[in-house]
Protein backbone atom coordinates (compact mmCIF):
# COMPACT_ATOMS: atom_id res chain seq x y z
CA MET A 1 4.00 70.04 113.06
CA LYS A 2 0.47 70.59 114.10
CA LEU A 3 0.74 73.74 115.91
CA SER A 4 -1.97 75.29 118.23
CA PHE A 5 -2.34 77.65 121.14
CA ARG A 6 -4.20 77.98 124.32
CA GLU A 7 -3.93 79.61 127.53
CA MET A 8 -1.91 77.96 130.33
CA VAL A 9 -3.64 76.68 133.33
CA PRO A 10 -1.81 75.68 136.67
CA GLU A 11 -2.01 72.12 135.58
CA ASP A 12 0.41 72.96 132.83
CA ALA A 13 3.20 73.87 134.96
CA GLU A 14 5.11 70.58 134.59
CA GLN A 15 5.18 70.55 130.79
CA VAL A 16 6.09 74.25 130.99
CA GLU A 17 8.93 73.76 133.38
CA LYS A 18 10.34 71.23 131.00
CA VAL A 19 10.59 73.74 128.02
CA GLU A 20 12.08 76.39 130.58
CA GLN A 21 14.79 74.09 131.78
CA ALA A 22 15.76 73.44 128.22
CA CYS A 23 15.84 76.99 127.44
CA PHE A 24 17.35 78.97 130.30
CA ALA A 25 20.43 79.05 132.33
CA ILE A 26 18.47 80.04 135.48
CA PRO A 27 15.11 78.42 135.01
CA TRP A 28 11.74 79.42 136.84
CA SER A 29 10.37 76.63 139.03
CA ARG A 30 7.30 74.87 138.45
CA LYS A 31 5.82 76.23 141.38
CA SER A 32 6.54 79.74 139.79
CA PHE A 33 4.52 78.64 136.61
CA TRP A 34 1.79 77.27 138.67
CA GLU A 35 1.52 80.58 140.62
CA GLU A 36 1.66 82.64 137.37
CA ALA A 37 -1.11 80.63 135.85
CA ALA A 38 -3.35 81.11 138.98
CA ASN A 39 -2.77 85.02 138.93
CA GLU A 40 -5.45 87.02 137.40
CA ASN A 41 -3.09 89.67 136.36
CA THR A 42 -1.10 87.40 134.08
CA PHE A 43 -1.73 85.73 130.82
CA TYR A 44 0.46 82.61 129.46
CA LEU A 45 -0.03 81.54 126.18
CA LEU A 46 1.09 78.03 125.24
CA ALA A 47 2.36 76.82 121.81
CA LEU A 48 1.34 73.17 121.44
CA ASP A 49 2.43 70.45 118.88
CA ASP A 50 -0.25 67.67 118.78
CA GLY A 51 -1.09 68.53 122.38
CA GLU A 52 2.54 68.77 123.78
CA VAL A 53 3.65 72.05 125.10
CA ILE A 54 6.61 73.17 122.80
CA GLY A 55 6.60 76.91 123.87
CA TYR A 56 4.96 79.71 125.82
CA ALA A 57 5.04 83.25 126.22
CA GLY A 58 3.88 85.20 129.33
CA THR A 59 2.87 88.57 130.33
CA TRP A 60 1.88 90.56 133.37
CA LEU A 61 -1.09 92.90 132.37
CA VAL A 62 -0.87 95.99 134.45
CA ALA A 63 -2.33 99.46 133.95
CA GLY A 64 -2.92 98.97 130.28
CA GLU A 65 0.55 97.73 129.51
CA ALA A 66 1.77 94.24 128.93
CA GLN A 67 5.08 93.36 130.63
CA ILE A 68 6.31 90.16 128.86
CA THR A 69 8.08 88.08 131.53
CA ASN A 70 9.34 85.11 129.18
CA VAL A 71 9.18 83.62 125.83
CA ALA A 72 10.69 80.26 125.12
CA VAL A 73 10.64 77.77 122.40
CA ALA A 74 11.90 74.16 122.90
CA PRO A 75 15.25 74.10 121.13
CA GLU A 76 14.08 71.37 118.63
CA TYR A 77 11.36 73.61 117.50
CA ARG A 78 13.36 76.68 116.82
CA GLY A 79 13.63 78.17 113.30
CA LYS A 80 10.22 76.85 112.33
CA GLY A 81 8.15 79.89 112.85
CA VAL A 82 6.96 78.86 116.22
CA GLY A 83 8.31 82.01 118.27
CA THR A 84 6.60 84.30 115.61
CA ALA A 85 3.38 82.44 115.65
CA LEU A 86 3.40 82.53 119.48
CA MET A 87 4.10 86.24 119.60
CA THR A 88 1.63 87.03 116.94
CA GLU A 89 -1.00 85.26 119.01
CA LEU A 90 0.01 86.94 122.19
CA VAL A 91 -0.16 90.44 120.85
CA ARG A 92 -3.52 89.69 119.40
CA HIS A 93 -4.76 88.65 122.88
CA VAL A 94 -3.44 91.47 124.81
CA LYS A 95 -4.80 94.00 122.21
CA GLU A 96 -8.33 92.29 122.80
CA GLN A 97 -7.88 93.16 126.50
CA GLY A 98 -7.35 96.98 125.70
CA ILE A 99 -3.42 96.64 126.09
CA THR A 100 -1.96 99.63 124.14
CA ALA A 101 2.00 99.03 125.03
CA MET A 102 4.26 96.12 125.43
CA THR A 103 7.73 96.03 127.19
CA LEU A 104 10.29 93.30 128.15
CA GLU A 105 13.94 92.75 128.88
CA VAL A 106 16.30 90.83 126.60
CA ARG A 107 19.89 89.83 126.68
CA PRO A 108 21.91 91.84 124.33
CA SER A 109 23.65 88.50 123.17
CA ASN A 110 20.39 86.84 122.44
CA ALA A 111 20.24 87.75 118.82
CA PRO A 112 17.31 85.51 117.52
CA ALA A 113 15.11 87.21 120.30
CA LEU A 114 16.15 90.69 119.45
CA ALA A 115 15.19 89.88 115.90
CA LEU A 116 11.85 88.39 116.90
CA TYR A 117 10.89 91.20 119.08
CA ALA A 118 11.71 93.85 116.36
CA LYS A 119 9.32 92.09 114.13
CA PHE A 120 6.66 93.03 116.48
CA GLY A 121 7.68 96.85 116.75
CA MET A 122 9.91 96.56 119.74
CA LYS A 123 12.57 99.21 120.08
CA GLU A 124 15.48 99.67 122.58
CA ALA A 125 14.46 102.22 125.34
CA GLY A 126 17.39 101.77 127.72
CA ARG A 127 19.46 99.12 129.55
CA ARG A 128 19.53 97.53 133.05
CA LYS A 129 23.16 97.03 133.89
CA GLY A 130 24.20 93.59 135.39
CA TYR A 131 20.50 92.34 135.06
CA TYR A 132 21.27 88.77 134.59
CA SER A 133 22.67 87.17 137.57
CA ASP A 134 24.38 84.01 135.94
CA ASN A 135 26.81 86.33 134.00
CA GLY A 136 26.19 89.66 135.00
CA GLU A 137 25.08 90.61 131.44
CA ASP A 138 22.93 93.68 130.85
CA ALA A 139 19.34 93.61 129.65
CA ILE A 140 18.07 95.61 126.90
CA ILE A 141 14.76 97.21 127.83
CA MET A 142 12.28 97.20 124.68
CA TRP A 143 9.04 98.77 124.30
CA ASN A 144 6.24 99.07 121.70
CA THR A 145 3.83 101.92 122.71
CA LYS A 146 1.69 101.63 119.72
CA LEU A 147 0.05 98.41 119.54
């Protein structure tokens, strides 16, 4: 694997959508990713293997905080350190922008994601009841206020 990272641009939306569809029951559309990439208040980081998009992480940057919108790694690349490397780069970037806190929502059933986020100092701060529309699962709200 030849892993590299770069910021997403609107033209990446098609490749990002393919990863999204492989990872989520209710995937975002290509148009959504195009719009996110074009928004000056967002930052999306791509993980690439020899130029091919294999993962991504996105954030909304608002009032000194980063709201992580999504993190995904293509199924065939999971368990190889891509998620950890992607989050490391994402945290480095947001800190360079003066961000001091990060938050996100995650499914309680997503043990790999919970373990990944804990590595980055994310701690449970509450729950959103019935947050996920596909199965009514709650969302755990996680925060790291000491980046």
